[in-house]
Amino acid sequence: MIRRVIVRPLAMEDIAAAATWYDEQSPGLGAELTDEIISAIRRAQENPNLFRVVRHRDGMRRVLTGRFPYRIFFSIIQDTMYVHAVLHGAQHDGRWRGR
């Protein structure tokens, strides 16, 4: 069972930038995006093995958001989930690999 979730600083920057962009498009939309990201992280926390492994050497997995086209990259070490990146679907996966 995953007891703790740590959102790494670069992932927090990803979320903040995306929320800011959506708020500029329509006030309040950034908060809706953030809620959607939190919901996806909770789904992954409840059962991380349901989500696709995208890099086998370190067990990096990916969960998708529902309403917005975002991918959340995470890994599990013991009982802790680490969120490494939150990327828009149009962004290349290589952007998170150095993290």
PDB file of N, CA and C in Angstrom:
ATOM      1  N   MET A   1       0.844  -1.189   0.000  1.00  0.00           N
ATOM      2  CA  MET A   1       0.000   0.000   0.000  1.00  0.00           C
ATOM      3  C   MET A   1       0.886   1.248   0.000  1.00  0.00           C
ATOM      4  N   ILE A   2       0.504   2.220  -0.809  1.00  0.00           N
ATOM      5  CA  ILE A   2       1.237   3.484  -0.891  1.00  0.00           C
ATOM      6  C   ILE A   2       0.728   4.402   0.213  1.00  0.00           C
ATOM      7  N   ARG A   3       1.605   4.715   1.141  1.00  0.00           N
ATOM      8  CA  ARG A   3       1.212   5.548   2.279  1.00  0.00           C
ATOM      9  C   ARG A   3       1.527   7.028   2.066  1.00  0.00           C
ATOM     10  N   ARG A   4       2.520   7.293   1.219  1.00  0.00           N
ATOM     11  CA  ARG A   4       2.977   8.680   1.077  1.00  0.00           C
ATOM     12  C   ARG A   4       3.176   9.010  -0.392  1.00  0.00           C
ATOM     13  N   VAL A   5       2.840  10.240  -0.757  1.00  0.00           N
ATOM     14  CA  VAL A   5       3.052  10.732  -2.122  1.00  0.00           C
ATOM     15  C   VAL A   5       3.945  11.965  -2.039  1.00  0.00           C
ATOM     16  N   ILE A   6       5.012  11.944  -2.831  1.00  0.00           N
ATOM     17  CA  ILE A   6       5.902  13.104  -2.901  1.00  0.00           C
ATOM     18  C   ILE A   6       5.884  13.614  -4.339  1.00  0.00           C
ATOM     19  N   VAL A   7       5.450  14.840  -4.496  1.00  0.00           N
ATOM     20  CA  VAL A   7       5.456  15.479  -5.811  1.00  0.00           C
ATOM     21  C   VAL A   7       6.757  16.271  -5.899  1.00  0.00           C
ATOM     22  N   ARG A   8       7.617  15.845  -6.784  1.00  0.00           N
ATOM     23  CA  ARG A   8       8.940  16.460  -6.919  1.00  0.00           C
ATOM     24  C   ARG A   8       8.801  17.913  -7.397  1.00  0.00           C
ATOM     25  N   PRO A   9       9.773  18.767  -7.083  1.00  0.00           N
ATOM     26  CA  PRO A   9       9.667  20.195  -7.431  1.00  0.00           C
ATOM     27  C   PRO A   9       9.417  20.468  -8.916  1.00  0.00           C
ATOM     28  N   LEU A  10      10.067  19.733  -9.813  1.00  0.00           N
ATOM     29  CA  LEU A  10       9.829  19.976 -11.242  1.00  0.00           C
ATOM     30  C   LEU A  10       8.411  19.598 -11.653  1.00  0.00           C
ATOM     31  N   ALA A  11       7.854  18.586 -11.024  1.00  0.00           N
ATOM     32  CA  ALA A  11       6.459  18.221 -11.304  1.00  0.00           C
ATOM     33  C   ALA A  11       5.518  19.313 -10.784  1.00  0.00           C
ATOM     34  N   MET A  12       5.849  19.886  -9.631  1.00  0.00           N
ATOM     35  CA  MET A  12       5.041  20.995  -9.105  1.00  0.00           C
ATOM     36  C   MET A  12       5.077  22.178 -10.074  1.00  0.00           C
ATOM     37  N   GLU A  13       6.263  22.420 -10.653  1.00  0.00           N
ATOM     38  CA  GLU A  13       6.373  23.490 -11.648  1.00  0.00           C
ATOM     39  C   GLU A  13       5.524  23.186 -12.876  1.00  0.00           C
ATOM     40  N   ASP A  14       5.509  21.920 -13.297  1.00  0.00           N
ATOM     41  CA  ASP A  14       4.661  21.514 -14.428  1.00  0.00           C
ATOM     42  C   ASP A  14       3.200  21.828 -14.144  1.00  0.00           C
ATOM     43  N   ILE A  15       2.754  21.458 -12.954  1.00  0.00           N
ATOM     44  CA  ILE A  15       1.348  21.665 -12.568  1.00  0.00           C
ATOM     45  C   ILE A  15       1.025  23.149 -12.509  1.00  0.00           C
ATOM     46  N   ALA A  16       1.899  23.929 -11.875  1.00  0.00           N
ATOM     47  CA  ALA A  16       1.659  25.371 -11.740  1.00  0.00           C
ATOM     48  C   ALA A  16       1.603  26.055 -13.100  1.00  0.00           C
ATOM     49  N   ALA A  17       2.511  25.701 -13.993  1.00  0.00           N
ATOM     50  CA  ALA A  17       2.526  26.310 -15.328  1.00  0.00           C
ATOM     51  C   ALA A  17       1.260  25.954 -16.105  1.00  0.00           C
ATOM     52  N   ALA A  18       0.847  24.707 -16.020  1.00  0.00           N
ATOM     53  CA  ALA A  18      -0.361  24.282 -16.732  1.00  0.00           C
ATOM     54  C   ALA A  18      -1.596  24.976 -16.166  1.00  0.00           C
ATOM     55  N   ALA A  19      -1.688  25.054 -14.847  1.00  0.00           N
ATOM     56  CA  ALA A  19      -2.843  25.701 -14.216  1.00  0.00           C
ATOM     57  C   ALA A  19      -2.898  27.178 -14.574  1.00  0.00           C
ATOM     58  N   THR A  20      -1.757  27.827 -14.602  1.00  0.00           N
ATOM     59  CA  THR A  20      -1.704  29.236 -14.980  1.00  0.00           C
ATOM     60  C   THR A  20      -2.189  29.428 -16.412  1.00  0.00           C
ATOM     61  N   TRP A  21      -1.724  28.570 -17.316  1.00  0.00           N
ATOM     62  CA  TRP A  21      -2.129  28.674 -18.710  1.00  0.00           C
ATOM     63  C   TRP A  21      -3.646  28.502 -18.849  1.00  0.00           C
ATOM     64  N   TYR A  22      -4.204  27.494 -18.184  1.00  0.00           N
ATOM     65  CA  TYR A  22      -5.641  27.260 -18.272  1.00  0.00           C
ATOM     66  C   TYR A  22      -6.434  28.403 -17.643  1.00  0.00           C
ATOM     67  N   ASP A  23      -5.938  28.973 -16.554  1.00  0.00           N
ATOM     68  CA  ASP A  23      -6.627  30.120 -15.940  1.00  0.00           C
ATOM     69  C   ASP A  23      -6.630  31.332 -16.854  1.00  0.00           C
ATOM     70  N   GLU A  24      -5.579  31.477 -17.635  1.00  0.00           N
ATOM     71  CA  GLU A  24      -5.538  32.582 -18.594  1.00  0.00           C
ATOM     72  C   GLU A  24      -6.569  32.380 -19.703  1.00  0.00           C
ATOM     73  N   GLN A  25      -6.880  31.145 -20.014  1.00  0.00           N
ATOM     74  CA  GLN A  25      -7.880  30.851 -21.038  1.00  0.00           C
ATOM     75  C   GLN A  25      -9.292  31.074 -20.507  1.00  0.00           C
ATOM     76  N   SER A  26      -9.499  30.645 -19.260  1.00  0.00           N
ATOM     77  CA  SER A  26     -10.804  30.790 -18.624  1.00  0.00           C
ATOM     78  C   SER A  26     -10.613  30.714 -17.110  1.00  0.00           C
ATOM     79  N   PRO A  27     -10.929  31.798 -16.372  1.00  0.00           N
ATOM     80  CA  PRO A  27     -10.733  31.792 -14.919  1.00  0.00           C
ATOM     81  C   PRO A  27     -11.419  30.593 -14.264  1.00  0.00           C
ATOM     82  N   GLY A  28     -10.682  29.926 -13.378  1.00  0.00           N
ATOM     83  CA  GLY A  28     -11.210  28.758 -12.672  1.00  0.00           C
ATOM     84  C   GLY A  28     -10.836  27.438 -13.316  1.00  0.00           C
ATOM     85  N   LEU A  29     -10.458  27.495 -14.586  1.00  0.00           N
ATOM     86  CA  LEU A  29     -10.122  26.258 -15.295  1.00  0.00           C
ATOM     87  C   LEU A  29      -8.824  25.649 -14.761  1.00  0.00           C
ATOM     88  N   GLY A  30      -7.914  26.478 -14.296  1.00  0.00           N
ATOM     89  CA  GLY A  30      -6.670  25.974 -13.710  1.00  0.00           C
ATOM     90  C   GLY A  30      -6.930  25.146 -12.467  1.00  0.00           C
ATOM     91  N   ALA A  31      -7.884  25.577 -11.645  1.00  0.00           N
ATOM     92  CA  ALA A  31      -8.244  24.808 -10.447  1.00  0.00           C
ATOM     93  C   ALA A  31      -8.871  23.474 -10.836  1.00  0.00           C
ATOM     94  N   GLU A  32      -9.660  23.470 -11.901  1.00  0.00           N
ATOM     95  CA  GLU A  32     -10.262  22.220 -12.364  1.00  0.00           C
ATOM     96  C   GLU A  32      -9.190  21.252 -12.860  1.00  0.00           C
ATOM     97  N   LEU A  33      -8.192  21.776 -13.550  1.00  0.00           N
ATOM     98  CA  LEU A  33      -7.076  20.940 -13.990  1.00  0.00           C
ATOM     99  C   LEU A  33      -6.345  20.359 -12.780  1.00  0.00           C
ATOM    100  N   THR A  34      -6.059  21.204 -11.806  1.00  0.00           N
ATOM    101  CA  THR A  34      -5.356  20.738 -10.608  1.00  0.00           C
ATOM    102  C   THR A  34      -6.146  19.639  -9.903  1.00  0.00           C
ATOM    103  N   ASP A  35      -7.449  19.806  -9.802  1.00  0.00           N
ATOM    104  CA  ASP A  35      -8.296  18.772  -9.191  1.00  0.00           C
ATOM    105  C   ASP A  35      -8.207  17.465  -9.980  1.00  0.00           C
ATOM    106  N   GLU A  36      -8.190  17.564 -11.287  1.00  0.00           N
ATOM    107  CA  GLU A  36      -8.090  16.382 -12.142  1.00  0.00           C
ATOM    108  C   GLU A  36      -6.748  15.675 -11.948  1.00  0.00           C
ATOM    109  N   ILE A  37      -5.686  16.440 -11.819  1.00  0.00           N
ATOM    110  CA  ILE A  37      -4.356  15.860 -11.586  1.00  0.00           C
ATOM    111  C   ILE A  37      -4.318  15.163 -10.231  1.00  0.00           C
ATOM    112  N   ILE A  38      -4.864  15.803  -9.209  1.00  0.00           N
ATOM    113  CA  ILE A  38      -4.904  15.193  -7.874  1.00  0.00           C
ATOM    114  C   ILE A  38      -5.698  13.895  -7.911  1.00  0.00           C
ATOM    115  N   SER A  39      -6.803  13.897  -8.622  1.00  0.00           N
ATOM    116  CA  SER A  39      -7.617  12.688  -8.747  1.00  0.00           C
ATOM    117  C   SER A  39      -6.839  11.550  -9.412  1.00  0.00           C
ATOM    118  N   ALA A  40      -6.095  11.865 -10.467  1.00  0.00           N
ATOM    119  CA  ALA A  40      -5.299  10.847 -11.157  1.00  0.00           C
ATOM    120  C   ALA A  40      -4.192  10.313 -10.245  1.00  0.00           C
ATOM    121  N   ILE A  41      -3.574  11.188  -9.492  1.00  0.00           N
ATOM    122  CA  ILE A  41      -2.528  10.753  -8.557  1.00  0.00           C
ATOM    123  C   ILE A  41      -3.122   9.833  -7.498  1.00  0.00           C
ATOM    124  N   ARG A  42      -4.300  10.142  -7.008  1.00  0.00           N
ATOM    125  CA  ARG A  42      -4.960   9.278  -6.012  1.00  0.00           C
ATOM    126  C   ARG A  42      -5.288   7.901  -6.590  1.00  0.00           C
ATOM    127  N   ARG A  43      -5.730   7.878  -7.847  1.00  0.00           N
ATOM    128  CA  ARG A  43      -5.995   6.581  -8.493  1.00  0.00           C
ATOM    129  C   ARG A  43      -4.726   5.741  -8.543  1.00  0.00           C
ATOM    130  N   ALA A  44      -3.628   6.393  -8.913  1.00  0.00           N
ATOM    131  CA  ALA A  44      -2.346   5.687  -8.988  1.00  0.00           C
ATOM    132  C   ALA A  44      -1.882   5.254  -7.596  1.00  0.00           C
ATOM    133  N   GLN A  45      -2.134   6.075  -6.610  1.00  0.00           N
ATOM    134  CA  GLN A  45      -1.754   5.747  -5.241  1.00  0.00           C
ATOM    135  C   GLN A  45      -2.521   4.518  -4.742  1.00  0.00           C
ATOM    136  N   GLU A  46      -3.791   4.426  -5.093  1.00  0.00           N
ATOM    137  CA  GLU A  46      -4.624   3.307  -4.641  1.00  0.00           C
ATOM    138  C   GLU A  46      -4.183   1.978  -5.238  1.00  0.00           C
ATOM    139  N   ASN A  47      -3.767   1.989  -6.500  1.00  0.00           N
ATOM    140  CA  ASN A  47      -3.342   0.741  -7.139  1.00  0.00           C
ATOM    141  C   ASN A  47      -2.354   1.048  -8.262  1.00  0.00           C
ATOM    142  N   PRO A  48      -1.104   1.289  -7.931  1.00  0.00           N
ATOM    143  CA  PRO A  48      -0.115   1.689  -8.939  1.00  0.00           C
ATOM    144  C   PRO A  48       0.126   0.634 -10.013  1.00  0.00           C
ATOM    145  N   ASN A  49      -0.084  -0.621  -9.699  1.00  0.00           N
ATOM    146  CA  ASN A  49       0.177  -1.687 -10.667  1.00  0.00           C
ATOM    147  C   ASN A  49      -0.802  -1.704 -11.834  1.00  0.00           C
ATOM    148  N   LEU A  50      -1.875  -0.949 -11.740  1.00  0.00           N
ATOM    149  CA  LEU A  50      -2.824  -0.858 -12.850  1.00  0.00           C
ATOM    150  C   LEU A  50      -2.283  -0.017 -13.997  1.00  0.00           C
ATOM    151  N   PHE A  51      -1.249   0.749 -13.735  1.00  0.00           N
ATOM    152  CA  PHE A  51      -0.791   1.725 -14.712  1.00  0.00           C
ATOM    153  C   PHE A  51       0.480   1.269 -15.423  1.00  0.00           C
ATOM    154  N   ARG A  52       0.533   1.612 -16.675  1.00  0.00           N
ATOM    155  CA  ARG A  52       1.576   1.153 -17.594  1.00  0.00           C
ATOM    156  C   ARG A  52       2.986   1.544 -17.156  1.00  0.00           C
ATOM    157  N   VAL A  53       3.884   0.588 -17.218  1.00  0.00           N
ATOM    158  CA  VAL A  53       5.307   0.866 -16.997  1.00  0.00           C
ATOM    159  C   VAL A  53       5.854   1.442 -18.298  1.00  0.00           C
ATOM    160  N   VAL A  54       6.466   2.614 -18.217  1.00  0.00           N
ATOM    161  CA  VAL A  54       7.011   3.260 -19.413  1.00  0.00           C
ATOM    162  C   VAL A  54       8.534   3.204 -19.462  1.00  0.00           C
ATOM    163  N   ARG A  55       9.141   2.841 -18.349  1.00  0.00           N
ATOM    164  CA  ARG A  55      10.599   2.652 -18.321  1.00  0.00           C
ATOM    165  C   ARG A  55      10.888   1.553 -17.299  1.00  0.00           C
ATOM    166  N   HIS A  56      11.300   0.409 -17.812  1.00  0.00           N
ATOM    167  CA  HIS A  56      11.458  -0.771 -16.970  1.00  0.00           C
ATOM    168  C   HIS A  56      12.622  -0.704 -15.988  1.00  0.00           C
ATOM    169  N   ARG A  57      13.694  -0.055 -16.355  1.00  0.00           N
ATOM    170  CA  ARG A  57      14.885  -0.091 -15.487  1.00  0.00           C
ATOM    171  C   ARG A  57      14.635   0.491 -14.108  1.00  0.00           C
ATOM    172  N   ASP A  58      13.713   1.452 -13.995  1.00  0.00           N
ATOM    173  CA  ASP A  58      13.414   2.031 -12.682  1.00  0.00           C
ATOM    174  C   ASP A  58      11.934   1.959 -12.323  1.00  0.00           C
ATOM    175  N   GLY A  59      11.167   1.231 -13.131  1.00  0.00           N
ATOM    176  CA  GLY A  59       9.752   1.048 -12.824  1.00  0.00           C
ATOM    177  C   GLY A  59       8.899   2.286 -12.994  1.00  0.00           C
ATOM    178  N   MET A  60       9.335   3.235 -13.813  1.00  0.00           N
ATOM    179  CA  MET A  60       8.569   4.458 -14.044  1.00  0.00           C
ATOM    180  C   MET A  60       7.241   4.099 -14.699  1.00  0.00           C
ATOM    181  N   ARG A  61       6.174   4.628 -14.152  1.00  0.00           N
ATOM    182  CA  ARG A  61       4.820   4.368 -14.658  1.00  0.00           C
ATOM    183  C   ARG A  61       4.166   5.671 -15.083  1.00  0.00           C
ATOM    184  N   ARG A  62       3.006   5.511 -15.748  1.00  0.00           N
ATOM    185  CA  ARG A  62       2.284   6.684 -16.242  1.00  0.00           C
ATOM    186  C   ARG A  62       0.798   6.504 -15.994  1.00  0.00           C
ATOM    187  N   VAL A  63       0.182   7.552 -15.453  1.00  0.00           N
ATOM    188  CA  VAL A  63      -1.268   7.592 -15.302  1.00  0.00           C
ATOM    189  C   VAL A  63      -1.774   8.781 -16.119  1.00  0.00           C
ATOM    190  N   LEU A  64      -2.914   8.595 -16.767  1.00  0.00           N
ATOM    191  CA  LEU A  64      -3.501   9.650 -17.591  1.00  0.00           C
ATOM    192  C   LEU A  64      -4.633  10.331 -16.836  1.00  0.00           C
ATOM    193  N   THR A  65      -4.787  11.624 -17.087  1.00  0.00           N
ATOM    194  CA  THR A  65      -5.937  12.335 -16.535  1.00  0.00           C
ATOM    195  C   THR A  65      -7.140  12.069 -17.436  1.00  0.00           C
ATOM    196  N   GLY A  66      -8.319  12.334 -16.921  1.00  0.00           N
ATOM    197  CA  GLY A  66      -9.528  12.062 -17.695  1.00  0.00           C
ATOM    198  C   GLY A  66      -9.938  13.207 -18.604  1.00  0.00           C
ATOM    199  N   ARG A  67     -10.230  14.337 -18.031  1.00  0.00           N
ATOM    200  CA  ARG A  67     -10.790  15.459 -18.783  1.00  0.00           C
ATOM    201  C   ARG A  67      -9.746  16.232 -19.578  1.00  0.00           C
ATOM    202  N   PHE A  68      -8.581  16.397 -19.017  1.00  0.00           N
ATOM    203  CA  PHE A  68      -7.515  17.164 -19.650  1.00  0.00           C
ATOM    204  C   PHE A  68      -6.464  16.191 -20.199  1.00  0.00           C
ATOM    205  N   PRO A  69      -5.774  16.557 -21.272  1.00  0.00           N
ATOM    206  CA  PRO A  69      -4.821  15.625 -21.895  1.00  0.00           C
ATOM    207  C   PRO A  69      -3.435  15.640 -21.235  1.00  0.00           C
ATOM    208  N   TYR A  70      -3.363  15.170 -20.002  1.00  0.00           N
ATOM    209  CA  TYR A  70      -2.099  15.169 -19.274  1.00  0.00           C
ATOM    210  C   TYR A  70      -1.687  13.764 -18.868  1.00  0.00           C
ATOM    211  N   ARG A  71      -0.359  13.582 -18.795  1.00  0.00           N
ATOM    212  CA  ARG A  71       0.242  12.321 -18.368  1.00  0.00           C
ATOM    213  C   ARG A  71       1.072  12.603 -17.127  1.00  0.00           C
ATOM    214  N   ILE A  72       0.914  11.759 -16.140  1.00  0.00           N
ATOM    215  CA  ILE A  72       1.628  11.924 -14.878  1.00  0.00           C
ATOM    216  C   ILE A  72       2.588  10.743 -14.749  1.00  0.00           C
ATOM    217  N   PHE A  73       3.873  11.038 -14.643  1.00  0.00           N
ATOM    218  CA  PHE A  73       4.904  10.014 -14.552  1.00  0.00           C
ATOM    219  C   PHE A  73       5.308   9.853 -13.088  1.00  0.00           C
ATOM    220  N   PHE A  74       5.301   8.602 -12.622  1.00  0.00           N
ATOM    221  CA  PHE A  74       5.595   8.342 -11.219  1.00  0.00           C
ATOM    222  C   PHE A  74       6.358   7.039 -11.044  1.00  0.00           C
ATOM    223  N   SER A  75       7.007   6.930  -9.889  1.00  0.00           N
ATOM    224  CA  SER A  75       7.674   5.693  -9.516  1.00  0.00           C
ATOM    225  C   SER A  75       7.310   5.378  -8.070  1.00  0.00           C
ATOM    226  N   ILE A  76       7.511   4.113  -7.707  1.00  0.00           N
ATOM    227  CA  ILE A  76       7.207   3.655  -6.362  1.00  0.00           C
ATOM    228  C   ILE A  76       8.486   3.104  -5.752  1.00  0.00           C
ATOM    229  N   ILE A  77       8.793   3.563  -4.561  1.00  0.00           N
ATOM    230  CA  ILE A  77       9.899   3.008  -3.779  1.00  0.00           C
ATOM    231  C   ILE A  77       9.332   2.696  -2.406  1.00  0.00           C
ATOM    232  N   GLN A  78       9.305   1.407  -2.091  1.00  0.00           N
ATOM    233  CA  GLN A  78       8.703   0.885  -0.863  1.00  0.00           C
ATOM    234  C   GLN A  78       7.260   1.355  -0.764  1.00  0.00           C
ATOM    235  N   ASP A  79       6.937   2.178   0.222  1.00  0.00           N
ATOM    236  CA  ASP A  79       5.543   2.616   0.388  1.00  0.00           C
ATOM    237  C   ASP A  79       5.349   4.078  -0.013  1.00  0.00           C
ATOM    238  N   THR A  80       6.266   4.601  -0.842  1.00  0.00           N
ATOM    239  CA  THR A  80       6.201   6.004  -1.257  1.00  0.00           C
ATOM    240  C   THR A  80       6.090   6.111  -2.772  1.00  0.00           C
ATOM    241  N   MET A  81       5.185   6.972  -3.206  1.00  0.00           N
ATOM    242  CA  MET A  81       5.002   7.263  -4.626  1.00  0.00           C
ATOM    243  C   MET A  81       5.651   8.618  -4.908  1.00  0.00           C
ATOM    244  N   TYR A  82       6.533   8.638  -5.916  1.00  0.00           N
ATOM    245  CA  TYR A  82       7.203   9.874  -6.326  1.00  0.00           C
ATOM    246  C   TYR A  82       6.640  10.313  -7.672  1.00  0.00           C
ATOM    247  N   VAL A  83       6.098  11.521  -7.731  1.00  0.00           N
ATOM    248  CA  VAL A  83       5.604  12.083  -8.986  1.00  0.00           C
ATOM    249  C   VAL A  83       6.745  12.905  -9.576  1.00  0.00           C
ATOM    250  N   HIS A  84       7.203  12.499 -10.775  1.00  0.00           N
ATOM    251  CA  HIS A  84       8.375  13.123 -11.387  1.00  0.00           C
ATOM    252  C   HIS A  84       8.020  14.205 -12.413  1.00  0.00           C
ATOM    253  N   ALA A  85       6.897  14.027 -13.107  1.00  0.00           N
ATOM    254  CA  ALA A  85       6.545  14.988 -14.164  1.00  0.00           C
ATOM    255  C   ALA A  85       5.051  14.924 -14.445  1.00  0.00           C
ATOM    256  N   VAL A  86       4.518  16.051 -14.870  1.00  0.00           N
ATOM    257  CA  VAL A  86       3.128  16.156 -15.319  1.00  0.00           C
ATOM    258  C   VAL A  86       3.183  16.877 -16.659  1.00  0.00           C
ATOM    259  N   LEU A  87       2.964  16.131 -17.740  1.00  0.00           N
ATOM    260  CA  LEU A  87       3.147  16.681 -19.079  1.00  0.00           C
ATOM    261  C   LEU A  87       1.862  16.646 -19.896  1.00  0.00           C
ATOM    262  N   HIS A  88       1.689  17.684 -20.698  1.00  0.00           N
ATOM    263  CA  HIS A  88       0.588  17.731 -21.652  1.00  0.00           C
ATOM    264  C   HIS A  88       0.812  16.642 -22.697  1.00  0.00           C
ATOM    265  N   GLY A  89      -0.265  16.124 -23.238  1.00  0.00           N
ATOM    266  CA  GLY A  89      -0.172  15.064 -24.232  1.00  0.00           C
ATOM    267  C   GLY A  89       0.621  15.425 -25.467  1.00  0.00           C
ATOM    268  N   ALA A  90       0.724  16.708 -25.790  1.00  0.00           N
ATOM    269  CA  ALA A  90       1.470  17.133 -26.973  1.00  0.00           C
ATOM    270  C   ALA A  90       2.971  17.254 -26.710  1.00  0.00           C
ATOM    271  N   GLN A  91       3.377  17.201 -25.447  1.00  0.00           N
ATOM    272  CA  GLN A  91       4.794  17.313 -25.120  1.00  0.00           C
ATOM    273  C   GLN A  91       5.472  15.951 -25.273  1.00  0.00           C
ATOM    274  N   HIS A  92       6.703  15.970 -25.697  1.00  0.00           N
ATOM    275  CA  HIS A  92       7.457  14.747 -25.915  1.00  0.00           C
ATOM    276  C   HIS A  92       7.856  14.110 -24.578  1.00  0.00           C
ATOM    277  N   ASP A  93       7.779  12.779 -24.504  1.00  0.00           N
ATOM    278  CA  ASP A  93       8.134  12.049 -23.288  1.00  0.00           C
ATOM    279  C   ASP A  93       9.559  12.335 -22.819  1.00  0.00           C
ATOM    280  N   GLY A  94      10.446  12.641 -23.731  1.00  0.00           N
ATOM    281  CA  GLY A  94      11.832  12.880 -23.380  1.00  0.00           C
ATOM    282  C   GLY A  94      12.019  14.008 -22.392  1.00  0.00           C
ATOM    283  N   ARG A  95      11.024  14.837 -22.252  1.00  0.00           N
ATOM    284  CA  ARG A  95      11.123  15.982 -21.348  1.00  0.00           C
ATOM    285  C   ARG A  95      11.244  15.564 -19.888  1.00  0.00           C
ATOM    286  N   TRP A  96      10.706  14.423 -19.517  1.00  0.00           N
ATOM    287  CA  TRP A  96      10.763  13.999 -18.122  1.00  0.00           C
ATOM    288  C   TRP A  96      11.922  13.051 -17.842  1.00  0.00           C
ATOM    289  N   ARG A  97      12.532  12.502 -18.859  1.00  0.00           N
ATOM    290  CA  ARG A  97      13.508  11.433 -18.651  1.00  0.00           C
ATOM    291  C   ARG A  97      14.740  11.845 -17.876  1.00  0.00           C
ATOM    292  N   GLY A  98      15.122  13.094 -17.934  1.00  0.00           N
ATOM    293  CA  GLY A  98      16.283  13.548 -17.184  1.00  0.00           C
ATOM    294  C   GLY A  98      16.003  13.794 -15.717  1.00  0.00           C
ATOM    295  N   ARG A  99      14.763  13.633 -15.339  1.00  0.00           N
ATOM    296  CA  ARG A  99      14.387  13.924 -13.959  1.00  0.00           C
ATOM    297  C   ARG A  99      14.628  12.701 -13.104  1.00  0.00           C
TER     298      ARG A  99
END
